[in-house]
Amino acid sequence: MVQTSEFIRQQIEAMKSQVFELGLVSLPAAAGGLDADILPRARGSETLLRSIAWLRLENVHGRNIYIRPPGYTT
């Protein structure tokens, strides 16, 4: 987990933000598309780092994890 936390810390520093939007998206295998099961969250950088174990658990249960600075659109 040390490697993961260091990688996330580097990403946080590169994005130059103190607050991040965190999206957990469930992709149902049968449907082949996005499910309405999206959990939006706002986290500070330290809270995000403390959430790594929870994010890993959510990922194991089939959620994709998306992190971005607030207000960023694609």
N, C-alpha and C. Protein backbone atom coordinates (compact mmCIF):
# COMPACT_ATOMS: atom_id res chain seq x y z
N MET A 1 0.82 -1.19 0.00
CA MET A 1 0.00 0.00 0.00
C MET A 1 0.87 1.26 0.00
N VAL A 2 2.11 1.17 0.43
CA VAL A 2 3.00 2.32 0.42
C VAL A 2 3.20 2.81 -1.01
N GLN A 3 3.36 1.90 -1.94
CA GLN A 3 3.55 2.27 -3.33
C GLN A 3 2.32 3.01 -3.86
N THR A 4 1.13 2.53 -3.54
CA THR A 4 -0.10 3.18 -3.97
C THR A 4 -0.23 4.57 -3.38
N SER A 5 0.02 4.73 -2.10
CA SER A 5 -0.11 6.04 -1.47
C SER A 5 0.90 7.04 -2.04
N GLU A 6 2.10 6.58 -2.36
CA GLU A 6 3.10 7.47 -2.95
C GLU A 6 2.66 7.89 -4.36
N PHE A 7 2.12 6.96 -5.12
CA PHE A 7 1.63 7.27 -6.45
C PHE A 7 0.49 8.29 -6.39
N ILE A 8 -0.44 8.11 -5.47
CA ILE A 8 -1.55 9.05 -5.32
C ILE A 8 -1.05 10.40 -4.85
N ARG A 9 -0.11 10.42 -3.94
CA ARG A 9 0.48 11.69 -3.48
C ARG A 9 1.11 12.46 -4.66
N GLN A 10 1.80 11.75 -5.54
CA GLN A 10 2.40 12.39 -6.70
C GLN A 10 1.33 12.96 -7.63
N GLN A 11 0.24 12.22 -7.81
CA GLN A 11 -0.85 12.71 -8.65
C GLN A 11 -1.50 13.95 -8.04
N ILE A 12 -1.69 13.94 -6.73
CA ILE A 12 -2.28 15.09 -6.03
C ILE A 12 -1.41 16.32 -6.24
N GLU A 13 -0.10 16.17 -6.08
CA GLU A 13 0.82 17.29 -6.26
C GLU A 13 0.79 17.80 -7.71
N ALA A 14 0.70 16.89 -8.67
CA ALA A 14 0.69 17.28 -10.08
C ALA A 14 -0.59 18.04 -10.45
N MET A 15 -1.69 17.73 -9.79
CA MET A 15 -2.96 18.40 -10.11
C MET A 15 -3.07 19.77 -9.44
N LYS A 16 -2.18 20.06 -8.51
CA LYS A 16 -2.11 21.38 -7.85
C LYS A 16 -3.46 21.85 -7.31
N SER A 17 -4.11 20.97 -6.57
CA SER A 17 -5.39 21.31 -5.95
C SER A 17 -5.40 20.75 -4.54
N GLN A 18 -6.16 21.38 -3.66
CA GLN A 18 -6.29 20.88 -2.30
C GLN A 18 -7.59 20.10 -2.10
N VAL A 19 -8.52 20.25 -3.04
CA VAL A 19 -9.80 19.56 -2.97
C VAL A 19 -10.00 18.81 -4.28
N PHE A 20 -10.59 17.62 -4.17
CA PHE A 20 -10.78 16.78 -5.35
C PHE A 20 -12.19 16.22 -5.38
N GLU A 21 -12.71 16.09 -6.59
CA GLU A 21 -13.96 15.37 -6.79
C GLU A 21 -13.60 13.91 -7.01
N LEU A 22 -14.30 13.07 -6.31
CA LEU A 22 -14.04 11.64 -6.35
C LEU A 22 -15.30 10.96 -6.84
N GLY A 23 -15.17 10.19 -7.90
CA GLY A 23 -16.32 9.46 -8.43
C GLY A 23 -16.08 7.97 -8.37
N LEU A 24 -17.05 7.24 -7.87
CA LEU A 24 -16.99 5.79 -7.86
C LEU A 24 -18.09 5.31 -8.79
N VAL A 25 -17.70 4.66 -9.86
CA VAL A 25 -18.65 4.28 -10.90
C VAL A 25 -18.70 2.77 -11.00
N SER A 26 -19.91 2.24 -10.99
CA SER A 26 -20.11 0.81 -11.15
C SER A 26 -20.38 0.50 -12.61
N LEU A 27 -19.61 -0.40 -13.16
CA LEU A 27 -19.81 -0.82 -14.54
C LEU A 27 -20.35 -2.25 -14.56
N PRO A 28 -21.64 -2.41 -14.76
CA PRO A 28 -22.20 -3.77 -14.76
C PRO A 28 -21.75 -4.54 -16.00
N ALA A 29 -21.23 -5.71 -15.79
CA ALA A 29 -20.71 -6.53 -16.88
C ALA A 29 -21.79 -6.90 -17.88
N ALA A 30 -22.99 -7.19 -17.41
CA ALA A 30 -24.06 -7.65 -18.29
C ALA A 30 -24.56 -6.53 -19.20
N ALA A 31 -24.66 -5.31 -18.69
CA ALA A 31 -25.22 -4.21 -19.45
C ALA A 31 -24.21 -3.63 -20.45
N GLY A 32 -22.92 -3.74 -20.12
CA GLY A 32 -21.89 -3.22 -21.00
C GLY A 32 -21.82 -1.70 -21.03
N GLY A 33 -22.45 -1.04 -20.09
CA GLY A 33 -22.44 0.41 -20.06
C GLY A 33 -22.43 0.94 -18.65
N LEU A 34 -22.49 2.25 -18.52
CA LEU A 34 -22.49 2.86 -17.19
C LEU A 34 -23.80 2.61 -16.47
N ASP A 35 -23.69 2.30 -15.22
CA ASP A 35 -24.84 2.14 -14.34
C ASP A 35 -25.12 3.49 -13.69
N ALA A 36 -26.31 3.68 -13.17
CA ALA A 36 -26.63 4.92 -12.47
C ALA A 36 -26.00 4.95 -11.09
N ASP A 37 -25.25 3.93 -10.75
CA ASP A 37 -24.66 3.82 -9.43
C ASP A 37 -23.35 4.60 -9.35
N ILE A 38 -23.45 5.93 -9.29
CA ILE A 38 -22.29 6.80 -9.19
C ILE A 38 -22.34 7.49 -7.84
N LEU A 39 -21.25 7.41 -7.10
CA LEU A 39 -21.18 8.03 -5.78
C LEU A 39 -20.25 9.23 -5.82
N PRO A 40 -20.78 10.44 -6.04
CA PRO A 40 -19.89 11.61 -6.07
C PRO A 40 -19.45 12.01 -4.67
N ARG A 41 -18.22 12.41 -4.52
CA ARG A 41 -17.67 12.82 -3.23
C ARG A 41 -16.70 13.98 -3.46
N ALA A 42 -16.53 14.82 -2.47
CA ALA A 42 -15.49 15.85 -2.48
C ALA A 42 -14.55 15.54 -1.32
N ARG A 43 -13.27 15.53 -1.59
CA ARG A 43 -12.29 15.17 -0.56
C ARG A 43 -11.11 16.14 -0.61
N GLY A 44 -10.55 16.43 0.55
CA GLY A 44 -9.29 17.14 0.63
C GLY A 44 -8.17 16.15 0.37
N SER A 45 -6.98 16.66 0.09
CA SER A 45 -5.87 15.77 -0.28
C SER A 45 -5.51 14.79 0.84
N GLU A 46 -5.49 15.24 2.09
CA GLU A 46 -5.15 14.32 3.19
C GLU A 46 -6.25 13.29 3.42
N THR A 47 -7.49 13.70 3.29
CA THR A 47 -8.61 12.76 3.43
C THR A 47 -8.56 11.72 2.33
N LEU A 48 -8.22 12.16 1.14
CA LEU A 48 -8.09 11.24 0.02
C LEU A 48 -7.02 10.19 0.31
N LEU A 49 -5.88 10.61 0.83
CA LEU A 49 -4.81 9.67 1.16
C LEU A 49 -5.23 8.69 2.26
N ARG A 50 -6.01 9.17 3.22
CA ARG A 50 -6.49 8.28 4.29
C ARG A 50 -7.58 7.33 3.80
N SER A 51 -8.14 7.58 2.62
CA SER A 51 -9.23 6.77 2.08
C SER A 51 -8.75 5.64 1.17
N ILE A 52 -7.45 5.47 1.03
CA ILE A 52 -6.93 4.49 0.08
C ILE A 52 -7.46 3.08 0.34
N ALA A 53 -7.48 2.64 1.57
CA ALA A 53 -7.97 1.28 1.86
C ALA A 53 -9.43 1.13 1.43
N TRP A 54 -10.25 2.14 1.73
CA TRP A 54 -11.67 2.10 1.33
C TRP A 54 -11.80 2.11 -0.20
N LEU A 55 -11.00 2.93 -0.88
CA LEU A 55 -11.04 2.98 -2.34
C LEU A 55 -10.63 1.65 -2.95
N ARG A 56 -9.64 1.01 -2.37
CA ARG A 56 -9.23 -0.32 -2.84
C ARG A 56 -10.36 -1.32 -2.70
N LEU A 57 -11.04 -1.28 -1.57
CA LEU A 57 -12.17 -2.19 -1.34
C LEU A 57 -13.28 -1.94 -2.36
N GLU A 58 -13.59 -0.68 -2.61
CA GLU A 58 -14.62 -0.34 -3.60
C GLU A 58 -14.20 -0.84 -4.98
N ASN A 59 -12.92 -0.72 -5.32
CA ASN A 59 -12.43 -1.18 -6.61
C ASN A 59 -12.54 -2.69 -6.73
N VAL A 60 -12.22 -3.41 -5.66
CA VAL A 60 -12.35 -4.87 -5.65
C VAL A 60 -13.81 -5.28 -5.89
N HIS A 61 -14.74 -4.45 -5.41
CA HIS A 61 -16.16 -4.75 -5.57
C HIS A 61 -16.73 -4.22 -6.90
N GLY A 62 -15.85 -3.90 -7.83
CA GLY A 62 -16.29 -3.58 -9.18
C GLY A 62 -16.46 -2.12 -9.53
N ARG A 63 -16.06 -1.23 -8.64
CA ARG A 63 -16.19 0.20 -8.95
C ARG A 63 -14.89 0.72 -9.56
N ASN A 64 -15.02 1.56 -10.58
CA ASN A 64 -13.89 2.30 -11.12
C ASN A 64 -13.80 3.59 -10.33
N ILE A 65 -12.59 4.04 -10.05
CA ILE A 65 -12.34 5.21 -9.23
C ILE A 65 -11.83 6.34 -10.13
N TYR A 66 -12.48 7.50 -10.04
CA TYR A 66 -12.08 8.67 -10.81
C TYR A 66 -11.83 9.82 -9.84
N ILE A 67 -10.69 10.49 -10.01
CA ILE A 67 -10.32 11.60 -9.15
C ILE A 67 -9.91 12.77 -10.05
N ARG A 68 -10.47 13.95 -9.75
CA ARG A 68 -10.12 15.14 -10.54
C ARG A 68 -10.27 16.39 -9.69
N PRO A 69 -9.61 17.48 -10.10
CA PRO A 69 -9.82 18.75 -9.39
C PRO A 69 -11.26 19.21 -9.63
N PRO A 70 -11.84 19.97 -8.71
CA PRO A 70 -13.23 20.43 -8.89
C PRO A 70 -13.37 21.33 -10.10
N GLY A 71 -14.50 21.21 -10.77
CA GLY A 71 -14.79 22.06 -11.91
C GLY A 71 -14.18 21.61 -13.21
N TYR A 72 -13.42 20.54 -13.19
CA TYR A 72 -12.79 20.02 -14.41
C TYR A 72 -13.84 19.28 -15.22
N THR A 73 -13.93 19.60 -16.49
CA THR A 73 -14.85 18.89 -17.37
C THR A 73 -14.10 18.35 -18.57
N THR A 74 -14.62 17.29 -19.13
CA THR A 74 -13.97 16.69 -20.30
C THR A 74 -14.69 17.05 -21.57
